[in-house]
Amino acid sequence: MESMSRPNSAVVGGGGPNGQHTTERCGHFQMPLHYPRYTKADYESMPEWKLDCLLKQYGLPITGNVDQKRKFAMGAFLWIN
């Protein structure tokens, strides 16, 4: 049975003198496998650099001050009733 997977790079050009192709990696977002498991207290005490890393990992904006980032992360990741 034949594989149905697609390569992670795009072929650019028709090939070189030895049949080699020039490839260029396309930038893409890959959703992390696990949802973050932080509590509200964790987000409230999380340093800004860690918030930046978390938001970047999930492809979310990392703009604003630290309080805005905390509020955004809590809104995105906490299930508050």
PDB file of N, CA and C in Angstrom:
ATOM      1  N   MET A   1       0.847  -1.172   0.000  1.00  0.00           N
ATOM      2  CA  MET A   1       0.000   0.000   0.000  1.00  0.00           C
ATOM      3  C   MET A   1       0.891   1.234   0.000  1.00  0.00           C
ATOM      4  N   GLU A   2       0.513   2.206  -0.753  1.00  0.00           N
ATOM      5  CA  GLU A   2       1.285   3.416  -0.947  1.00  0.00           C
ATOM      6  C   GLU A   2       1.016   4.432   0.166  1.00  0.00           C
ATOM      7  N   SER A   3       2.049   5.160   0.600  1.00  0.00           N
ATOM      8  CA  SER A   3       1.898   6.174   1.641  1.00  0.00           C
ATOM      9  C   SER A   3       1.233   7.422   1.068  1.00  0.00           C
ATOM     10  N   MET A   4       0.425   8.079   1.880  1.00  0.00           N
ATOM     11  CA  MET A   4      -0.278   9.275   1.449  1.00  0.00           C
ATOM     12  C   MET A   4       0.308  10.531   2.084  1.00  0.00           C
ATOM     13  N   SER A   5       1.492  10.465   2.684  1.00  0.00           N
ATOM     14  CA  SER A   5       2.059  11.632   3.357  1.00  0.00           C
ATOM     15  C   SER A   5       2.610  12.621   2.347  1.00  0.00           C
ATOM     16  N   ARG A   6       2.661  13.903   2.766  1.00  0.00           N
ATOM     17  CA  ARG A   6       3.175  14.960   1.923  1.00  0.00           C
ATOM     18  C   ARG A   6       4.489  15.462   2.493  1.00  0.00           C
ATOM     19  N   PRO A   7       5.433  15.842   1.642  1.00  0.00           N
ATOM     20  CA  PRO A   7       6.713  16.366   2.144  1.00  0.00           C
ATOM     21  C   PRO A   7       6.521  17.712   2.814  1.00  0.00           C
ATOM     22  N   ASN A   8       7.471  18.068   3.714  1.00  0.00           N
ATOM     23  CA  ASN A   8       7.423  19.340   4.427  1.00  0.00           C
ATOM     24  C   ASN A   8       8.049  20.479   3.646  1.00  0.00           C
ATOM     25  N   SER A   9       8.617  20.217   2.497  1.00  0.00           N
ATOM     26  CA  SER A   9       9.264  21.268   1.725  1.00  0.00           C
ATOM     27  C   SER A   9       8.659  21.331   0.331  1.00  0.00           C
ATOM     28  N   ALA A  10       8.781  22.488  -0.270  1.00  0.00           N
ATOM     29  CA  ALA A  10       8.262  22.692  -1.614  1.00  0.00           C
ATOM     30  C   ALA A  10       9.419  22.624  -2.591  1.00  0.00           C
ATOM     31  N   VAL A  11       9.183  22.043  -3.749  1.00  0.00           N
ATOM     32  CA  VAL A  11      10.208  21.967  -4.777  1.00  0.00           C
ATOM     33  C   VAL A  11      10.175  23.274  -5.549  1.00  0.00           C
ATOM     34  N   VAL A  12      11.330  23.902  -5.682  1.00  0.00           N
ATOM     35  CA  VAL A  12      11.446  25.159  -6.402  1.00  0.00           C
ATOM     36  C   VAL A  12      12.369  24.920  -7.577  1.00  0.00           C
ATOM     37  N   GLY A  13      11.890  25.023  -8.774  1.00  0.00           N
ATOM     38  CA  GLY A  13      12.718  24.800  -9.959  1.00  0.00           C
ATOM     39  C   GLY A  13      12.560  23.383 -10.476  1.00  0.00           C
ATOM     40  N   GLY A  14      13.106  23.130 -11.643  1.00  0.00           N
ATOM     41  CA  GLY A  14      12.905  21.849 -12.308  1.00  0.00           C
ATOM     42  C   GLY A  14      14.027  20.851 -12.119  1.00  0.00           C
ATOM     43  N   GLY A  15      15.004  21.166 -11.342  1.00  0.00           N
ATOM     44  CA  GLY A  15      16.080  20.201 -11.133  1.00  0.00           C
ATOM     45  C   GLY A  15      17.399  20.723 -11.664  1.00  0.00           C
ATOM     46  N   GLY A  16      18.449  20.269 -11.077  1.00  0.00           N
ATOM     47  CA  GLY A  16      19.784  20.701 -11.460  1.00  0.00           C
ATOM     48  C   GLY A  16      20.403  19.751 -12.473  1.00  0.00           C
ATOM     49  N   PRO A  17      21.696  19.916 -12.729  1.00  0.00           N
ATOM     50  CA  PRO A  17      22.377  19.096 -13.737  1.00  0.00           C
ATOM     51  C   PRO A  17      22.411  17.610 -13.383  1.00  0.00           C
ATOM     52  N   ASN A  18      22.393  17.253 -12.133  1.00  0.00           N
ATOM     53  CA  ASN A  18      22.440  15.846 -11.718  1.00  0.00           C
ATOM     54  C   ASN A  18      21.077  15.346 -11.268  1.00  0.00           C
ATOM     55  N   GLY A  19      20.008  16.006 -11.705  1.00  0.00           N
ATOM     56  CA  GLY A  19      18.672  15.597 -11.300  1.00  0.00           C
ATOM     57  C   GLY A  19      18.316  16.034  -9.891  1.00  0.00           C
ATOM     58  N   GLN A  20      19.103  16.943  -9.315  1.00  0.00           N
ATOM     59  CA  GLN A  20      18.842  17.422  -7.963  1.00  0.00           C
ATOM     60  C   GLN A  20      17.830  18.550  -8.012  1.00  0.00           C
ATOM     61  N   HIS A  21      16.984  18.622  -7.008  1.00  0.00           N
ATOM     62  CA  HIS A  21      15.988  19.670  -6.910  1.00  0.00           C
ATOM     63  C   HIS A  21      16.378  20.633  -5.795  1.00  0.00           C
ATOM     64  N   THR A  22      16.108  21.902  -6.005  1.00  0.00           N
ATOM     65  CA  THR A  22      16.309  22.912  -4.974  1.00  0.00           C
ATOM     66  C   THR A  22      15.052  22.950  -4.131  1.00  0.00           C
ATOM     67  N   THR A  23      15.206  22.787  -2.827  1.00  0.00           N
ATOM     68  CA  THR A  23      14.029  22.803  -1.960  1.00  0.00           C
ATOM     69  C   THR A  23      14.110  23.967  -0.998  1.00  0.00           C
ATOM     70  N   GLU A  24      12.961  24.439  -0.596  1.00  0.00           N
ATOM     71  CA  GLU A  24      12.872  25.536   0.356  1.00  0.00           C
ATOM     72  C   GLU A  24      11.800  25.166   1.368  1.00  0.00           C
ATOM     73  N   ARG A  25      12.146  25.214   2.652  1.00  0.00           N
ATOM     74  CA  ARG A  25      11.159  24.879   3.691  1.00  0.00           C
ATOM     75  C   ARG A  25      10.147  26.002   3.816  1.00  0.00           C
ATOM     76  N   CYS A  26       8.913  25.637   3.833  1.00  0.00           N
ATOM     77  CA  CYS A  26       7.846  26.624   4.012  1.00  0.00           C
ATOM     78  C   CYS A  26       7.592  26.795   5.504  1.00  0.00           C
ATOM     79  N   GLY A  27       7.416  28.024   5.937  1.00  0.00           N
ATOM     80  CA  GLY A  27       7.066  28.269   7.332  1.00  0.00           C
ATOM     81  C   GLY A  27       5.655  27.773   7.586  1.00  0.00           C
ATOM     82  N   HIS A  28       5.459  27.050   8.654  1.00  0.00           N
ATOM     83  CA  HIS A  28       4.126  26.539   8.958  1.00  0.00           C
ATOM     84  C   HIS A  28       3.935  26.415  10.455  1.00  0.00           C
ATOM     85  N   PHE A  29       2.682  26.429  10.861  1.00  0.00           N
ATOM     86  CA  PHE A  29       2.329  26.279  12.266  1.00  0.00           C
ATOM     87  C   PHE A  29       1.928  24.840  12.510  1.00  0.00           C
ATOM     88  N   GLN A  30       2.454  24.246  13.562  1.00  0.00           N
ATOM     89  CA  GLN A  30       2.078  22.895  13.946  1.00  0.00           C
ATOM     90  C   GLN A  30       1.551  22.944  15.368  1.00  0.00           C
ATOM     91  N   MET A  31       0.276  22.602  15.538  1.00  0.00           N
ATOM     92  CA  MET A  31      -0.367  22.659  16.856  1.00  0.00           C
ATOM     93  C   MET A  31       0.344  21.714  17.812  1.00  0.00           C
ATOM     94  N   PRO A  32       0.729  22.210  18.982  1.00  0.00           N
ATOM     95  CA  PRO A  32       1.337  21.335  19.981  1.00  0.00           C
ATOM     96  C   PRO A  32       0.381  20.194  20.347  1.00  0.00           C
ATOM     97  N   LEU A  33       0.934  19.088  20.736  1.00  0.00           N
ATOM     98  CA  LEU A  33       0.154  17.891  21.014  1.00  0.00           C
ATOM     99  C   LEU A  33      -0.706  18.022  22.267  1.00  0.00           C
ATOM    100  N   HIS A  34      -0.222  18.733  23.262  1.00  0.00           N
ATOM    101  CA  HIS A  34      -0.935  18.819  24.540  1.00  0.00           C
ATOM    102  C   HIS A  34      -1.414  20.235  24.818  1.00  0.00           C
ATOM    103  N   TYR A  35      -2.569  20.335  25.435  1.00  0.00           N
ATOM    104  CA  TYR A  35      -3.130  21.606  25.871  1.00  0.00           C
ATOM    105  C   TYR A  35      -2.425  21.997  27.176  1.00  0.00           C
ATOM    106  N   PRO A  36      -2.080  23.291  27.356  1.00  0.00           N
ATOM    107  CA  PRO A  36      -1.385  23.669  28.597  1.00  0.00           C
ATOM    108  C   PRO A  36      -2.252  23.385  29.833  1.00  0.00           C
ATOM    109  N   ARG A  37      -1.624  22.922  30.886  1.00  0.00           N
ATOM    110  CA  ARG A  37      -2.341  22.561  32.113  1.00  0.00           C
ATOM    111  C   ARG A  37      -1.937  23.457  33.273  1.00  0.00           C
ATOM    112  N   TYR A  38      -2.034  24.743  33.065  1.00  0.00           N
ATOM    113  CA  TYR A  38      -1.715  25.702  34.117  1.00  0.00           C
ATOM    114  C   TYR A  38      -3.004  26.155  34.798  1.00  0.00           C
ATOM    115  N   THR A  39      -2.900  26.515  36.054  1.00  0.00           N
ATOM    116  CA  THR A  39      -4.045  27.045  36.795  1.00  0.00           C
ATOM    117  C   THR A  39      -4.044  28.570  36.668  1.00  0.00           C
ATOM    118  N   LYS A  40      -5.116  29.182  37.135  1.00  0.00           N
ATOM    119  CA  LYS A  40      -5.193  30.642  37.131  1.00  0.00           C
ATOM    120  C   LYS A  40      -4.045  31.234  37.941  1.00  0.00           C
ATOM    121  N   ALA A  41      -3.747  30.619  39.079  1.00  0.00           N
ATOM    122  CA  ALA A  41      -2.635  31.090  39.915  1.00  0.00           C
ATOM    123  C   ALA A  41      -1.299  30.979  39.174  1.00  0.00           C
ATOM    124  N   ASP A  42      -1.130  29.914  38.381  1.00  0.00           N
ATOM    125  CA  ASP A  42       0.097  29.755  37.592  1.00  0.00           C
ATOM    126  C   ASP A  42       0.257  30.911  36.607  1.00  0.00           C
ATOM    127  N   TYR A  43      -0.831  31.250  35.894  1.00  0.00           N
ATOM    128  CA  TYR A  43      -0.764  32.351  34.930  1.00  0.00           C
ATOM    129  C   TYR A  43      -0.500  33.683  35.629  1.00  0.00           C
ATOM    130  N   GLU A  44      -1.102  33.878  36.799  1.00  0.00           N
ATOM    131  CA  GLU A  44      -0.933  35.139  37.519  1.00  0.00           C
ATOM    132  C   GLU A  44       0.492  35.361  38.004  1.00  0.00           C
ATOM    133  N   SER A  45       1.232  34.282  38.243  1.00  0.00           N
ATOM    134  CA  SER A  45       2.616  34.408  38.719  1.00  0.00           C
ATOM    135  C   SER A  45       3.658  34.096  37.641  1.00  0.00           C
ATOM    136  N   MET A  46       3.208  33.736  36.445  1.00  0.00           N
ATOM    137  CA  MET A  46       4.122  33.347  35.364  1.00  0.00           C
ATOM    138  C   MET A  46       4.924  34.555  34.876  1.00  0.00           C
ATOM    139  N   PRO A  47       6.251  34.406  34.747  1.00  0.00           N
ATOM    140  CA  PRO A  47       7.068  35.516  34.235  1.00  0.00           C
ATOM    141  C   PRO A  47       6.739  35.793  32.758  1.00  0.00           C
ATOM    142  N   GLU A  48       6.989  37.010  32.340  1.00  0.00           N
ATOM    143  CA  GLU A  48       6.633  37.422  30.982  1.00  0.00           C
ATOM    144  C   GLU A  48       7.296  36.562  29.914  1.00  0.00           C
ATOM    145  N   TRP A  49       8.557  36.184  30.108  1.00  0.00           N
ATOM    146  CA  TRP A  49       9.247  35.382  29.095  1.00  0.00           C
ATOM    147  C   TRP A  49       8.554  34.039  28.899  1.00  0.00           C
ATOM    148  N   LYS A  50       8.018  33.476  29.986  1.00  0.00           N
ATOM    149  CA  LYS A  50       7.347  32.182  29.884  1.00  0.00           C
ATOM    150  C   LYS A  50       5.994  32.336  29.175  1.00  0.00           C
ATOM    151  N   LEU A  51       5.289  33.430  29.467  1.00  0.00           N
ATOM    152  CA  LEU A  51       4.044  33.719  28.749  1.00  0.00           C
ATOM    153  C   LEU A  51       4.312  33.864  27.256  1.00  0.00           C
ATOM    154  N   ASP A  52       5.384  34.602  26.917  1.00  0.00           N
ATOM    155  CA  ASP A  52       5.750  34.787  25.511  1.00  0.00           C
ATOM    156  C   ASP A  52       6.004  33.440  24.833  1.00  0.00           C
ATOM    157  N   CYS A  53       6.741  32.569  25.491  1.00  0.00           N
ATOM    158  CA  CYS A  53       7.040  31.243  24.928  1.00  0.00           C
ATOM    159  C   CYS A  53       5.762  30.430  24.727  1.00  0.00           C
ATOM    160  N   LEU A  54       4.885  30.461  25.715  1.00  0.00           N
ATOM    161  CA  LEU A  54       3.640  29.702  25.642  1.00  0.00           C
ATOM    162  C   LEU A  54       2.758  30.209  24.501  1.00  0.00           C
ATOM    163  N   LEU A  55       2.580  31.513  24.417  1.00  0.00           N
ATOM    164  CA  LEU A  55       1.746  32.079  23.364  1.00  0.00           C
ATOM    165  C   LEU A  55       2.339  31.814  21.978  1.00  0.00           C
ATOM    166  N   LYS A  56       3.644  31.950  21.862  1.00  0.00           N
ATOM    167  CA  LYS A  56       4.313  31.690  20.575  1.00  0.00           C
ATOM    168  C   LYS A  56       4.159  30.226  20.173  1.00  0.00           C
ATOM    169  N   GLN A  57       4.270  29.325  21.134  1.00  0.00           N
ATOM    170  CA  GLN A  57       4.161  27.892  20.861  1.00  0.00           C
ATOM    171  C   GLN A  57       2.799  27.547  20.251  1.00  0.00           C
ATOM    172  N   TYR A  58       1.759  28.267  20.656  1.00  0.00           N
ATOM    173  CA  TYR A  58       0.412  28.010  20.147  1.00  0.00           C
ATOM    174  C   TYR A  58       0.023  28.950  19.012  1.00  0.00           C
ATOM    175  N   GLY A  59       0.986  29.718  18.497  1.00  0.00           N
ATOM    176  CA  GLY A  59       0.733  30.593  17.367  1.00  0.00           C
ATOM    177  C   GLY A  59      -0.142  31.785  17.693  1.00  0.00           C
ATOM    178  N   LEU A  60      -0.131  32.215  18.943  1.00  0.00           N
ATOM    179  CA  LEU A  60      -0.963  33.322  19.392  1.00  0.00           C
ATOM    180  C   LEU A  60      -0.135  34.604  19.482  1.00  0.00           C
ATOM    181  N   PRO A  61      -0.784  35.776  19.413  1.00  0.00           N
ATOM    182  CA  PRO A  61      -0.039  37.038  19.449  1.00  0.00           C
ATOM    183  C   PRO A  61       0.643  37.260  20.796  1.00  0.00           C
ATOM    184  N   ILE A  62       1.832  37.847  20.742  1.00  0.00           N
ATOM    185  CA  ILE A  62       2.580  38.113  21.975  1.00  0.00           C
ATOM    186  C   ILE A  62       2.811  39.609  22.124  1.00  0.00           C
ATOM    187  N   THR A  63       1.780  40.394  21.826  1.00  0.00           N
ATOM    188  CA  THR A  63       1.886  41.843  21.935  1.00  0.00           C
ATOM    189  C   THR A  63       1.206  42.321  23.214  1.00  0.00           C
ATOM    190  N   GLY A  64       1.553  43.522  23.622  1.00  0.00           N
ATOM    191  CA  GLY A  64       0.972  44.103  24.829  1.00  0.00           C
ATOM    192  C   GLY A  64       1.900  43.967  26.011  1.00  0.00           C
ATOM    193  N   ASN A  65       1.444  44.515  27.138  1.00  0.00           N
ATOM    194  CA  ASN A  65       2.254  44.415  28.351  1.00  0.00           C
ATOM    195  C   ASN A  65       1.986  43.064  29.038  1.00  0.00           C
ATOM    196  N   VAL A  66       2.698  42.806  30.101  1.00  0.00           N
ATOM    197  CA  VAL A  66       2.611  41.498  30.755  1.00  0.00           C
ATOM    198  C   VAL A  66       1.201  41.213  31.291  1.00  0.00           C
ATOM    199  N   ASP A  67       0.517  42.242  31.783  1.00  0.00           N
ATOM    200  CA  ASP A  67      -0.845  42.039  32.291  1.00  0.00           C
ATOM    201  C   ASP A  67      -1.806  41.665  31.164  1.00  0.00           C
ATOM    202  N   GLN A  68      -1.638  42.301  29.998  1.00  0.00           N
ATOM    203  CA  GLN A  68      -2.473  41.971  28.847  1.00  0.00           C
ATOM    204  C   GLN A  68      -2.206  40.546  28.357  1.00  0.00           C
ATOM    205  N   LYS A  69      -0.943  40.153  28.363  1.00  0.00           N
ATOM    206  CA  LYS A  69      -0.582  38.793  27.945  1.00  0.00           C
ATOM    207  C   LYS A  69      -1.162  37.753  28.900  1.00  0.00           C
ATOM    208  N   ARG A  70      -1.093  38.035  30.203  1.00  0.00           N
ATOM    209  CA  ARG A  70      -1.667  37.117  31.200  1.00  0.00           C
ATOM    210  C   ARG A  70      -3.175  36.954  30.981  1.00  0.00           C
ATOM    211  N   LYS A  71      -3.845  38.084  30.814  1.00  0.00           N
ATOM    212  CA  LYS A  71      -5.292  38.064  30.619  1.00  0.00           C
ATOM    213  C   LYS A  71      -5.652  37.293  29.341  1.00  0.00           C
ATOM    214  N   PHE A  72      -4.888  37.516  28.284  1.00  0.00           N
ATOM    215  CA  PHE A  72      -5.130  36.817  27.022  1.00  0.00           C
ATOM    216  C   PHE A  72      -4.908  35.310  27.181  1.00  0.00           C
ATOM    217  N   ALA A  73      -3.794  34.922  27.824  1.00  0.00           N
ATOM    218  CA  ALA A  73      -3.493  33.495  28.019  1.00  0.00           C
ATOM    219  C   ALA A  73      -4.565  32.820  28.864  1.00  0.00           C
ATOM    220  N   MET A  74      -5.023  33.487  29.917  1.00  0.00           N
ATOM    221  CA  MET A  74      -6.075  32.904  30.756  1.00  0.00           C
ATOM    222  C   MET A  74      -7.375  32.754  29.964  1.00  0.00           C
ATOM    223  N   GLY A  75      -7.687  33.740  29.126  1.00  0.00           N
ATOM    224  CA  GLY A  75      -8.885  33.648  28.305  1.00  0.00           C
ATOM    225  C   GLY A  75      -8.804  32.550  27.265  1.00  0.00           C
ATOM    226  N   ALA A  76      -7.592  32.330  26.741  1.00  0.00           N
ATOM    227  CA  ALA A  76      -7.413  31.317  25.703  1.00  0.00           C
ATOM    228  C   ALA A  76      -7.334  29.898  26.253  1.00  0.00           C
ATOM    229  N   PHE A  77      -6.738  29.742  27.437  1.00  0.00           N
ATOM    230  CA  PHE A  77      -6.443  28.395  27.918  1.00  0.00           C
ATOM    231  C   PHE A  77      -7.248  27.916  29.127  1.00  0.00           C
ATOM    232  N   LEU A  78      -7.855  28.839  29.859  1.00  0.00           N
ATOM    233  CA  LEU A  78      -8.629  28.403  31.037  1.00  0.00           C
ATOM    234  C   LEU A  78     -10.099  28.269  30.679  1.00  0.00           C
ATOM    235  N   TRP A  79     -10.724  27.239  31.178  1.00  0.00           N
ATOM    236  CA  TRP A  79     -12.162  27.012  30.973  1.00  0.00           C
ATOM    237  C   TRP A  79     -12.869  27.508  32.226  1.00  0.00           C
ATOM    238  N   ILE A  80     -13.259  28.773  32.206  1.00  0.00           N
ATOM    239  CA  ILE A  80     -13.900  29.402  33.367  1.00  0.00           C
ATOM    240  C   ILE A  80     -15.402  29.405  33.138  1.00  0.00           C
ATOM    241  N   ASN A  81     -16.124  28.914  34.139  1.00  0.00           N
ATOM    242  CA  ASN A  81     -17.582  28.892  34.026  1.00  0.00           C
ATOM    243  C   ASN A  81     -18.169  30.173  34.565  1.00  0.00           C
TER     244      ASN A  81
END
